[in-house]
Amino acid sequence: MKLVIVIVRDDYSEVLQDELADAGHRYTKLASTGGFLRKGNTTLLVGVDDADVDSVLEIVRATCKTRQELITTQPMPMSPGLAVPPIEVIAGGATVFVVEVEHFERI
């Protein structure tokens, strides 16, 4: 058995949850916050048999696409009047961990 940990931006969370549920995968949802962009994230914990890992990964790949996004940055404290142009970053997608589960029990 495996535990698939999927961290996605909140933008993709509901669609991903619907797709996982439609495919019969159960999950636990945790709210989380990203470190770099400080945006809202969702972490999904999906427990699956080894044979179902590829199915979960296919759903994540199809649902969570990356995209270019402009973000604004704050000027440095020593130069408060300096205008800082927005920078382009790659956002979206998903971070996925697949972890071996030694024991699983539903109580």
N, C-alpha and C. Protein backbone atom coordinates (compact mmCIF):
# COMPACT_ATOMS: atom_id res chain seq x y z
N MET A 1 0.85 -1.17 0.00
CA MET A 1 0.00 0.00 0.00
C MET A 1 0.89 1.24 0.00
N LYS A 2 0.38 2.30 -0.62
CA LYS A 2 1.12 3.56 -0.72
C LYS A 2 0.27 4.71 -0.19
N LEU A 3 0.96 5.73 0.29
CA LEU A 3 0.33 7.00 0.64
C LEU A 3 0.83 8.01 -0.38
N VAL A 4 -0.10 8.56 -1.16
CA VAL A 4 0.25 9.58 -2.15
C VAL A 4 -0.11 10.93 -1.52
N ILE A 5 0.90 11.77 -1.36
CA ILE A 5 0.70 13.10 -0.79
C ILE A 5 0.77 14.09 -1.94
N VAL A 6 -0.32 14.81 -2.16
CA VAL A 6 -0.42 15.73 -3.30
C VAL A 6 -0.63 17.13 -2.76
N ILE A 7 0.30 18.03 -3.08
CA ILE A 7 0.20 19.43 -2.66
C ILE A 7 -0.10 20.26 -3.90
N VAL A 8 -1.25 20.95 -3.89
CA VAL A 8 -1.68 21.73 -5.06
C VAL A 8 -2.15 23.11 -4.61
N ARG A 9 -2.09 24.07 -5.54
CA ARG A 9 -2.67 25.38 -5.27
C ARG A 9 -4.17 25.23 -5.11
N ASP A 10 -4.76 26.09 -4.31
CA ASP A 10 -6.20 26.04 -4.09
C ASP A 10 -6.98 26.15 -5.40
N ASP A 11 -6.38 26.79 -6.43
CA ASP A 11 -7.04 26.93 -7.74
C ASP A 11 -7.46 25.57 -8.31
N TYR A 12 -6.66 24.55 -8.07
CA TYR A 12 -6.90 23.23 -8.65
C TYR A 12 -7.57 22.26 -7.68
N SER A 13 -7.69 22.65 -6.45
CA SER A 13 -8.10 21.72 -5.39
C SER A 13 -9.46 21.08 -5.64
N GLU A 14 -10.48 21.86 -5.89
CA GLU A 14 -11.82 21.29 -6.02
C GLU A 14 -11.94 20.38 -7.24
N VAL A 15 -11.36 20.80 -8.36
CA VAL A 15 -11.42 19.97 -9.56
C VAL A 15 -10.69 18.65 -9.32
N LEU A 16 -9.52 18.72 -8.70
CA LEU A 16 -8.76 17.51 -8.41
C LEU A 16 -9.53 16.59 -7.47
N GLN A 17 -10.14 17.15 -6.44
CA GLN A 17 -10.92 16.35 -5.51
C GLN A 17 -12.08 15.66 -6.23
N ASP A 18 -12.77 16.39 -7.11
CA ASP A 18 -13.87 15.80 -7.86
C ASP A 18 -13.39 14.65 -8.74
N GLU A 19 -12.26 14.86 -9.43
CA GLU A 19 -11.72 13.82 -10.31
C GLU A 19 -11.30 12.58 -9.53
N LEU A 20 -10.65 12.79 -8.39
CA LEU A 20 -10.24 11.65 -7.56
C LEU A 20 -11.46 10.88 -7.07
N ALA A 21 -12.47 11.61 -6.59
CA ALA A 21 -13.69 10.96 -6.09
C ALA A 21 -14.40 10.20 -7.20
N ASP A 22 -14.48 10.81 -8.39
CA ASP A 22 -15.14 10.15 -9.52
C ASP A 22 -14.43 8.85 -9.90
N ALA A 23 -13.12 8.80 -9.69
CA ALA A 23 -12.35 7.59 -10.00
C ALA A 23 -12.35 6.59 -8.84
N GLY A 24 -13.06 6.94 -7.74
CA GLY A 24 -13.17 6.02 -6.62
C GLY A 24 -12.05 6.10 -5.60
N HIS A 25 -11.24 7.15 -5.67
CA HIS A 25 -10.15 7.29 -4.71
C HIS A 25 -10.61 8.13 -3.52
N ARG A 26 -10.38 7.64 -2.32
CA ARG A 26 -10.70 8.38 -1.11
C ARG A 26 -9.47 9.20 -0.71
N TYR A 27 -9.70 10.33 -0.06
CA TYR A 27 -8.59 11.19 0.33
C TYR A 27 -8.95 11.96 1.59
N THR A 28 -7.93 12.50 2.22
CA THR A 28 -8.09 13.42 3.33
C THR A 28 -7.50 14.74 2.90
N LYS A 29 -8.23 15.82 3.15
CA LYS A 29 -7.83 17.15 2.72
C LYS A 29 -7.28 17.95 3.91
N LEU A 30 -6.11 18.57 3.69
CA LEU A 30 -5.50 19.44 4.69
C LEU A 30 -5.24 20.81 4.06
N ALA A 31 -5.53 21.87 4.78
CA ALA A 31 -5.19 23.21 4.30
C ALA A 31 -3.72 23.46 4.57
N SER A 32 -3.02 24.09 3.64
CA SER A 32 -1.60 24.39 3.82
C SER A 32 -1.28 25.68 3.08
N THR A 33 -0.12 26.23 3.34
CA THR A 33 0.30 27.48 2.70
C THR A 33 1.66 27.27 2.06
N GLY A 34 1.80 27.76 0.82
CA GLY A 34 3.07 27.63 0.11
C GLY A 34 4.12 28.57 0.68
N GLY A 35 5.35 28.16 0.62
CA GLY A 35 6.44 28.95 1.16
C GLY A 35 6.90 30.07 0.25
N PHE A 36 7.05 29.80 -1.05
CA PHE A 36 7.62 30.79 -1.95
C PHE A 36 6.63 31.88 -2.30
N LEU A 37 5.47 31.52 -2.81
CA LEU A 37 4.48 32.52 -3.22
C LEU A 37 3.50 32.86 -2.11
N ARG A 38 3.56 32.14 -1.02
CA ARG A 38 2.68 32.36 0.13
C ARG A 38 1.21 32.36 -0.26
N LYS A 39 0.85 31.45 -1.14
CA LYS A 39 -0.53 31.30 -1.59
C LYS A 39 -1.15 30.10 -0.88
N GLY A 40 -2.48 30.08 -0.86
CA GLY A 40 -3.17 28.96 -0.25
C GLY A 40 -2.97 27.69 -1.04
N ASN A 41 -2.70 26.62 -0.36
CA ASN A 41 -2.53 25.31 -0.96
C ASN A 41 -3.48 24.34 -0.29
N THR A 42 -3.64 23.22 -0.94
CA THR A 42 -4.36 22.09 -0.36
C THR A 42 -3.44 20.89 -0.44
N THR A 43 -3.36 20.15 0.64
CA THR A 43 -2.61 18.90 0.66
C THR A 43 -3.61 17.77 0.76
N LEU A 44 -3.55 16.86 -0.19
CA LEU A 44 -4.43 15.69 -0.19
C LEU A 44 -3.62 14.46 0.15
N LEU A 45 -4.12 13.68 1.09
CA LEU A 45 -3.51 12.40 1.46
C LEU A 45 -4.38 11.31 0.87
N VAL A 46 -3.79 10.53 -0.04
CA VAL A 46 -4.55 9.50 -0.76
C VAL A 46 -3.91 8.14 -0.48
N GLY A 47 -4.61 7.29 0.23
CA GLY A 47 -4.11 5.94 0.48
C GLY A 47 -4.61 5.01 -0.61
N VAL A 48 -3.69 4.34 -1.31
CA VAL A 48 -4.08 3.47 -2.42
C VAL A 48 -3.24 2.19 -2.43
N ASP A 49 -3.80 1.17 -3.08
CA ASP A 49 -3.02 -0.04 -3.33
C ASP A 49 -1.91 0.31 -4.32
N ASP A 50 -0.85 -0.45 -4.32
CA ASP A 50 0.28 -0.19 -5.22
C ASP A 50 -0.17 -0.06 -6.68
N ALA A 51 -1.12 -0.88 -7.08
CA ALA A 51 -1.58 -0.88 -8.47
C ALA A 51 -2.33 0.39 -8.85
N ASP A 52 -2.82 1.15 -7.87
CA ASP A 52 -3.61 2.35 -8.15
C ASP A 52 -2.81 3.65 -8.14
N VAL A 53 -1.52 3.59 -7.84
CA VAL A 53 -0.70 4.79 -7.80
C VAL A 53 -0.69 5.50 -9.15
N ASP A 54 -0.52 4.75 -10.23
CA ASP A 54 -0.48 5.36 -11.56
C ASP A 54 -1.78 6.07 -11.90
N SER A 55 -2.90 5.52 -11.47
CA SER A 55 -4.21 6.15 -11.71
C SER A 55 -4.28 7.51 -11.03
N VAL A 56 -3.83 7.57 -9.79
CA VAL A 56 -3.83 8.85 -9.05
C VAL A 56 -2.90 9.84 -9.74
N LEU A 57 -1.71 9.41 -10.12
CA LEU A 57 -0.75 10.30 -10.76
C LEU A 57 -1.27 10.81 -12.10
N GLU A 58 -1.95 9.98 -12.86
CA GLU A 58 -2.54 10.42 -14.13
C GLU A 58 -3.58 11.51 -13.91
N ILE A 59 -4.42 11.35 -12.88
CA ILE A 59 -5.44 12.35 -12.57
C ILE A 59 -4.78 13.67 -12.17
N VAL A 60 -3.73 13.60 -11.36
CA VAL A 60 -3.02 14.82 -10.93
C VAL A 60 -2.40 15.51 -12.14
N ARG A 61 -1.74 14.75 -13.00
CA ARG A 61 -1.11 15.34 -14.19
C ARG A 61 -2.14 16.00 -15.11
N ALA A 62 -3.29 15.37 -15.27
CA ALA A 62 -4.32 15.91 -16.17
C ALA A 62 -5.01 17.13 -15.58
N THR A 63 -5.06 17.22 -14.28
CA THR A 63 -5.81 18.29 -13.61
C THR A 63 -4.96 19.50 -13.25
N CYS A 64 -3.73 19.29 -12.85
CA CYS A 64 -2.90 20.36 -12.26
C CYS A 64 -1.79 20.78 -13.22
N LYS A 65 -2.10 21.68 -14.10
CA LYS A 65 -1.13 22.17 -15.09
C LYS A 65 -0.36 23.37 -14.55
N THR A 66 0.88 23.52 -15.01
CA THR A 66 1.66 24.71 -14.64
C THR A 66 1.31 25.85 -15.59
N ARG A 67 1.57 27.08 -15.13
CA ARG A 67 1.30 28.26 -15.95
C ARG A 67 2.23 29.38 -15.53
N GLN A 68 2.42 30.36 -16.41
CA GLN A 68 3.20 31.55 -16.09
C GLN A 68 2.31 32.52 -15.31
N GLU A 69 2.87 33.15 -14.30
CA GLU A 69 2.10 34.09 -13.49
C GLU A 69 3.00 35.26 -13.10
N LEU A 70 2.44 36.45 -13.12
CA LEU A 70 3.19 37.63 -12.68
C LEU A 70 2.92 37.86 -11.20
N ILE A 71 3.99 38.08 -10.44
CA ILE A 71 3.82 38.42 -9.03
C ILE A 71 4.51 39.75 -8.76
N THR A 72 3.95 40.49 -7.85
CA THR A 72 4.58 41.75 -7.45
C THR A 72 5.41 41.50 -6.21
N THR A 73 6.50 42.21 -6.11
CA THR A 73 7.37 42.07 -4.96
C THR A 73 7.39 43.38 -4.19
N GLN A 74 7.76 43.31 -2.96
CA GLN A 74 7.84 44.50 -2.11
C GLN A 74 9.25 45.10 -2.24
N PRO A 75 9.34 46.44 -2.26
CA PRO A 75 10.68 47.06 -2.30
C PRO A 75 11.44 46.78 -1.01
N MET A 76 12.74 46.83 -1.11
CA MET A 76 13.60 46.60 0.05
C MET A 76 13.38 47.73 1.05
N PRO A 77 13.48 47.48 2.35
CA PRO A 77 13.25 48.51 3.37
C PRO A 77 14.18 49.72 3.22
N MET A 78 15.39 49.51 2.70
CA MET A 78 16.34 50.63 2.59
C MET A 78 16.06 51.51 1.37
N SER A 79 15.15 51.09 0.49
CA SER A 79 14.82 51.92 -0.68
C SER A 79 13.30 51.93 -0.89
N PRO A 80 12.54 52.54 0.04
CA PRO A 80 11.09 52.46 0.01
C PRO A 80 10.46 53.11 -1.23
N GLY A 81 11.09 54.08 -1.85
CA GLY A 81 10.50 54.75 -3.01
C GLY A 81 10.78 54.06 -4.33
N LEU A 82 11.63 53.05 -4.32
CA LEU A 82 12.04 52.36 -5.55
C LEU A 82 10.92 51.44 -6.05
N ALA A 83 10.50 51.64 -7.29
CA ALA A 83 9.47 50.78 -7.88
C ALA A 83 10.10 49.47 -8.33
N VAL A 84 9.48 48.38 -7.95
CA VAL A 84 9.99 47.06 -8.32
C VAL A 84 9.01 46.45 -9.32
N PRO A 85 9.49 46.13 -10.54
CA PRO A 85 8.57 45.56 -11.53
C PRO A 85 8.15 44.14 -11.13
N PRO A 86 6.96 43.73 -11.59
CA PRO A 86 6.54 42.36 -11.31
C PRO A 86 7.48 41.36 -11.98
N ILE A 87 7.59 40.18 -11.39
CA ILE A 87 8.42 39.14 -11.98
C ILE A 87 7.53 37.97 -12.41
N GLU A 88 7.98 37.27 -13.43
CA GLU A 88 7.23 36.14 -13.94
C GLU A 88 7.75 34.85 -13.31
N VAL A 89 6.82 34.05 -12.80
CA VAL A 89 7.19 32.77 -12.19
C VAL A 89 6.30 31.68 -12.76
N ILE A 90 6.74 30.44 -12.62
CA ILE A 90 5.92 29.30 -13.01
C ILE A 90 5.12 28.91 -11.78
N ALA A 91 3.79 28.87 -11.92
CA ALA A 91 2.90 28.55 -10.80
C ALA A 91 2.03 27.37 -11.19
N GLY A 92 1.33 26.87 -10.21
CA GLY A 92 0.41 25.76 -10.46
C GLY A 92 1.13 24.43 -10.38
N GLY A 93 0.61 23.48 -11.09
CA GLY A 93 1.18 22.14 -11.04
C GLY A 93 0.89 21.50 -9.69
N ALA A 94 1.69 20.55 -9.35
CA ALA A 94 1.51 19.84 -8.08
C ALA A 94 2.85 19.29 -7.62
N THR A 95 2.98 19.13 -6.33
CA THR A 95 4.11 18.43 -5.75
C THR A 95 3.56 17.13 -5.19
N VAL A 96 4.16 16.01 -5.58
CA VAL A 96 3.62 14.71 -5.20
C VAL A 96 4.71 13.86 -4.55
N PHE A 97 4.36 13.25 -3.44
CA PHE A 97 5.22 12.30 -2.76
C PHE A 97 4.48 10.97 -2.71
N VAL A 98 5.17 9.89 -3.03
CA VAL A 98 4.59 8.55 -2.91
C VAL A 98 5.41 7.82 -1.85
N VAL A 99 4.74 7.43 -0.79
CA VAL A 99 5.41 6.86 0.38
C VAL A 99 4.87 5.46 0.65
N GLU A 100 5.76 4.54 0.94
CA GLU A 100 5.36 3.19 1.31
C GLU A 100 4.65 3.21 2.67
N VAL A 101 3.55 2.48 2.77
CA VAL A 101 2.80 2.38 4.02
C VAL A 101 3.01 0.98 4.60
N GLU A 102 3.52 0.94 5.79
CA GLU A 102 3.80 -0.34 6.42
C GLU A 102 2.53 -0.99 6.95
N HIS A 103 1.63 -0.18 7.50
CA HIS A 103 0.40 -0.71 8.07
C HIS A 103 -0.72 0.29 7.85
N PHE A 104 -1.89 -0.22 7.50
CA PHE A 104 -3.07 0.63 7.30
C PHE A 104 -4.25 -0.05 7.96
N GLU A 105 -5.05 0.75 8.65
CA GLU A 105 -6.22 0.20 9.32
C GLU A 105 -7.30 1.27 9.36
N ARG A 106 -8.48 0.93 8.93
CA ARG A 106 -9.62 1.87 8.99
C ARG A 106 -10.45 1.46 10.20
N ILE A 107 -10.60 2.39 11.14
CA ILE A 107 -11.32 2.08 12.39
C ILE A 107 -12.60 2.89 12.45
